[in-house]
Protein backbone atom coordinates (compact mmCIF):
# COMPACT_ATOMS: atom_id res chain seq x y z
CA MET A 1 49.07 0.08 -20.67
CA THR A 2 47.28 -2.41 -23.02
CA THR A 3 50.31 -3.31 -25.98
CA PRO A 4 49.05 -3.51 -29.29
CA PHE A 5 49.09 -7.43 -29.65
CA GLU A 6 46.83 -7.59 -26.30
CA SER A 7 44.56 -5.00 -28.25
CA LEU A 8 44.43 -7.35 -31.20
CA LYS A 9 43.96 -10.27 -29.25
CA ALA A 10 41.00 -8.93 -26.88
CA ARG A 11 39.07 -8.67 -30.67
CA SER A 12 38.79 -12.24 -30.64
CA ALA A 13 38.61 -13.08 -26.93
CA PRO A 14 35.87 -15.49 -27.25
CA ASP A 15 38.09 -17.27 -29.76
CA TRP A 16 41.01 -17.32 -27.66
CA GLN A 17 39.54 -18.06 -24.34
CA ALA A 18 38.33 -21.40 -25.95
CA TYR A 19 41.72 -22.20 -27.87
CA CYS A 20 43.59 -21.42 -24.47
CA GLU A 21 41.19 -23.73 -22.53
CA HIS A 22 40.04 -26.25 -24.54
CA ARG A 23 39.05 -29.17 -23.13
CA PHE A 24 42.10 -31.26 -24.89
CA VAL A 25 44.10 -28.81 -22.36
CA ARG A 26 42.04 -29.03 -19.55
CA ASP A 27 42.57 -32.84 -19.37
CA LEU A 28 46.15 -32.45 -20.70
CA ALA A 29 46.78 -30.37 -17.13
CA ALA A 30 44.84 -32.41 -15.37
CA GLY A 31 47.11 -35.50 -16.49
CA THR A 32 43.14 -37.37 -17.42
CA LEU A 33 43.75 -36.87 -21.12
CA PRO A 34 43.88 -40.36 -23.04
CA GLU A 35 46.89 -41.77 -24.81
CA PRO A 36 45.76 -42.13 -28.42
CA ALA A 37 44.38 -38.73 -28.34
CA PHE A 38 47.69 -37.04 -27.26
CA GLN A 39 49.65 -39.98 -29.62
CA HIS A 40 47.25 -38.42 -32.41
CA TYR A 41 48.36 -34.84 -31.78
CA LEU A 42 52.02 -35.58 -31.32
CA LYS A 43 51.95 -37.22 -34.66
CA GLN A 44 50.21 -34.49 -36.64
CA ASP A 45 52.11 -31.74 -34.50
CA TYR A 46 55.43 -32.91 -36.45
CA LEU A 47 53.43 -32.45 -39.60
CA PHE A 48 52.98 -29.11 -38.64
CA LEU A 49 56.47 -28.41 -37.63
CA VAL A 50 57.24 -29.20 -41.21
CA GLN A 51 54.72 -26.67 -42.55
CA PHE A 52 55.79 -24.55 -39.76
CA ALA A 53 59.52 -24.83 -41.34
CA ARG A 54 58.30 -23.56 -44.47
CA ALA A 55 56.44 -21.07 -43.10
CA TRP A 56 59.69 -19.11 -41.54
CA GLY A 57 61.27 -19.97 -44.76
CA LEU A 58 58.35 -17.87 -46.61
CA ALA A 59 59.34 -15.34 -43.56
CA VAL A 60 62.86 -14.78 -45.25
CA TYR A 61 61.40 -14.45 -48.65
CA LYS A 62 58.90 -11.97 -47.40
CA SER A 63 61.88 -10.13 -45.47
CA ARG A 64 63.16 -6.49 -46.72
CA ASP A 65 65.86 -6.02 -44.46
CA LEU A 66 68.82 -7.93 -43.15
CA SER A 67 67.45 -7.90 -39.74
CA GLU A 68 64.49 -9.58 -40.93
CA ILE A 69 66.14 -12.36 -43.20
CA ARG A 70 68.24 -13.25 -40.26
CA GLN A 71 65.24 -13.47 -37.73
CA GLY A 72 63.81 -15.72 -40.03
CA LEU A 73 66.32 -17.92 -41.04
CA ASP A 74 67.38 -18.12 -37.54
CA SER A 75 63.78 -19.08 -36.99
CA LEU A 76 64.14 -22.04 -39.83
CA LYS A 77 67.35 -22.80 -38.54
CA ALA A 78 66.16 -23.87 -35.22
CA ILE A 79 63.09 -26.18 -36.55
CA VAL A 80 65.15 -27.84 -38.90
CA ASP A 81 68.20 -27.96 -37.03
CA VAL A 82 66.44 -28.43 -33.42
CA GLU A 83 62.81 -28.63 -32.65
CA ILE A 84 62.02 -31.23 -35.40
CA GLY A 85 65.05 -33.52 -33.96
CA LEU A 86 63.48 -33.32 -30.37
CA HIS A 87 59.62 -33.28 -31.29
CA VAL A 88 61.30 -37.07 -33.33
CA ASN A 89 62.96 -38.33 -29.81
CA TYR A 90 60.09 -36.93 -27.19
CA CYS A 91 57.48 -39.30 -30.22
CA ALA A 92 59.97 -42.17 -29.40
CA SER A 93 58.94 -41.84 -26.17
CA TRP A 94 55.82 -42.27 -26.59
CA GLY A 95 55.99 -45.10 -28.61
CA ILE A 96 55.68 -43.40 -32.06
CA ASP A 97 59.11 -44.24 -34.17
CA GLU A 98 60.42 -41.88 -37.09
CA ALA A 99 59.31 -44.50 -39.63
CA ALA A 100 55.96 -44.06 -38.58
CA LEU A 101 55.96 -40.38 -38.72
CA ALA A 102 57.44 -40.75 -42.11
CA LYS A 103 54.50 -42.05 -43.51
CA LEU A 104 51.79 -40.02 -42.17
CA THR A 105 49.09 -38.67 -43.85
CA ALA A 106 47.98 -34.95 -42.58
CA SER A 107 44.53 -34.34 -41.17
CA ARG A 108 41.64 -32.20 -42.47
CA ALA A 109 42.62 -29.77 -39.28
CA THR A 110 46.30 -30.01 -40.22
CA LEU A 111 45.90 -29.32 -43.83
CA ALA A 112 43.25 -26.59 -42.68
CA TYR A 113 45.81 -24.76 -40.31
CA THR A 114 49.04 -24.86 -42.25
CA ARG A 115 47.64 -23.76 -45.16
CA TYR A 116 45.82 -21.21 -43.91
CA VAL A 117 49.41 -20.04 -41.94
CA LEU A 118 51.24 -19.98 -45.77
CA ASP A 119 48.36 -18.27 -47.35
CA ALA A 120 48.01 -15.39 -44.98
CA GLY A 121 51.75 -14.97 -45.61
CA MET A 122 51.89 -15.42 -49.34
CA SER A 123 48.88 -13.08 -50.43
CA GLY A 124 50.05 -10.69 -47.20
CA ASP A 125 53.34 -9.58 -45.54
CA LEU A 126 55.49 -10.70 -43.04
CA LEU A 127 53.30 -8.70 -40.37
CA ASP A 128 50.26 -11.33 -41.94
CA LEU A 129 52.38 -14.07 -41.11
CA HIS A 130 53.15 -13.45 -37.85
CA VAL A 131 50.07 -12.46 -36.75
CA ALA A 132 49.05 -16.22 -38.57
CA LEU A 133 51.41 -17.79 -36.46
CA ALA A 134 51.07 -15.54 -33.27
CA PRO A 135 48.20 -18.61 -32.08
CA CYS A 136 50.70 -21.09 -31.79
CA ILE A 137 53.89 -19.02 -31.46
CA ILE A 138 52.22 -17.16 -28.58
CA GLY A 139 49.57 -19.56 -27.55
CA TYR A 140 51.96 -22.03 -26.55
CA GLY A 141 53.39 -20.16 -23.99
CA GLU A 142 49.91 -18.64 -22.66
CA ILE A 143 48.21 -22.07 -22.35
CA ALA A 144 51.28 -23.36 -20.61
CA GLY A 145 51.39 -20.33 -18.01
CA TRP A 146 47.47 -20.71 -17.67
CA ILE A 147 48.00 -24.34 -16.85
CA LEU A 148 50.22 -24.18 -13.97
CA ARG A 149 47.74 -21.70 -12.15
CA GLN A 150 44.79 -23.72 -12.74
CA PRO A 151 44.21 -26.13 -9.25
CA PHE A 152 43.25 -29.15 -11.10
CA THR A 153 46.70 -28.89 -12.60
CA LYS A 154 48.71 -32.03 -11.47
CA HIS A 155 51.76 -31.72 -10.94
CA GLU A 156 52.91 -34.95 -9.41
CA GLY A 157 52.55 -37.69 -11.97
CA ASN A 158 51.54 -36.52 -14.56
CA PRO A 159 52.36 -38.13 -18.07
CA TYR A 160 52.05 -34.60 -19.66
CA ALA A 161 54.26 -32.86 -17.03
CA ASP A 162 57.45 -32.83 -19.33
CA TRP A 163 54.72 -30.91 -22.83
CA ILE A 164 54.00 -28.67 -19.47
CA ALA A 165 57.22 -27.94 -18.62
CA MET A 166 58.83 -27.56 -22.26
CA TYR A 167 55.99 -24.73 -23.12
CA ALA A 168 56.41 -23.00 -19.38
CA GLY A 169 60.16 -22.94 -19.27
CA ASP A 170 62.46 -20.28 -19.84
CA GLU A 171 63.74 -20.88 -23.21
CA TYR A 172 60.40 -21.32 -25.13
CA GLN A 173 59.09 -18.40 -22.66
CA GLY A 174 62.46 -16.44 -24.28
CA LEU A 175 61.27 -16.79 -27.37
CA VAL A 176 57.66 -15.82 -26.87
CA ALA A 177 59.04 -12.43 -25.59
CA SER A 178 61.11 -11.81 -28.51
CA GLU A 179 57.82 -12.64 -30.58
CA LEU A 180 55.62 -10.26 -28.88
CA GLU A 181 58.67 -7.54 -28.86
CA TRP A 182 58.63 -7.45 -32.67
CA LEU A 183 54.64 -7.88 -33.07
CA ASN A 184 54.21 -4.91 -30.55
CA ARG A 185 56.19 -2.69 -32.86
CA ARG A 186 55.34 -3.62 -35.79
CA LEU A 187 51.54 -3.57 -34.58
CA ALA A 188 52.14 -0.05 -33.00
CA GLY A 189 52.06 1.68 -36.60
CA VAL A 190 49.27 0.48 -38.32
CA ASP A 191 45.99 2.56 -39.05
CA GLU A 192 42.50 1.03 -37.99
CA GLN A 193 41.62 -0.13 -41.12
CA ARG A 194 44.99 -2.54 -41.54
CA MET A 195 44.44 -3.60 -37.63
CA ASP A 196 41.06 -4.95 -38.92
CA GLN A 197 42.19 -6.90 -41.46
CA LEU A 198 44.86 -8.40 -39.06
CA SER A 199 42.06 -9.31 -36.55
CA THR A 200 40.54 -11.40 -39.14
CA VAL A 201 43.79 -13.36 -39.79
CA PHE A 202 44.28 -13.92 -35.99
CA GLY A 203 40.75 -14.63 -35.24
CA ASP A 204 40.92 -17.46 -38.26
CA ALA A 205 44.68 -18.53 -37.05
CA THR A 206 43.16 -18.63 -33.32
CA ARG A 207 39.94 -20.71 -34.38
CA LEU A 208 42.01 -23.37 -36.52
CA GLU A 209 44.62 -23.51 -33.60
CA ALA A 210 41.61 -25.05 -31.55
CA ASP A 211 40.25 -27.12 -34.40
CA PHE A 212 43.91 -28.60 -34.04
CA TRP A 213 43.23 -29.52 -30.21
CA GLN A 214 39.87 -31.12 -31.03
CA MET A 215 41.67 -33.51 -33.62
CA GLY A 216 43.77 -34.59 -31.23
CA LEU A 217 40.55 -35.71 -28.64
CA ASP A 218 38.04 -36.79 -32.35
CA LEU A 219 41.02 -38.96 -33.64
CA ALA A 220 40.41 -37.57 -37.15
């Protein structure tokens, strides 16, 4: 049986495939991605995480009951108290220190994507915000699984093995499962007109995620 989220994703199937199987992802899987491209991505992803935290702060504001407030707050605290610190340490392992991260300027791709997510949440409701975030939250989990299934993936000696393992790991996959459960419950109750609106949000966010990969390749 097709889930509501799978139905939503199917509406943007070409864009979703282009995002999940982007050349950045393929080269990362094969271990052939140029290191400057990955380092540029890591820097911009730090800036994205800061805005991601703001998005979860917005989720708290948009919540209508205590359980939703707690969910948004837990996600916000996880990013601020844990994920950003882990990302800073991971960047340091790639020769990017915290002082350099503090001086970064957001690329146009980063600005476009993060501002789109925040605008979707501000102008819509909590479901709009979750749908705008889904290509990131759920997409990274699917991408990691896709990478592990590819015959060209380099498992030994791949400089990006830790990145792959992080998103393929049980902790992140558990987060994906939780978000899918929330989305499927909420999407199950929407009518066709509302699904059309959400499909636009999801498709736009998916294309902006693909642009984020391209930004890494272009060093833009």
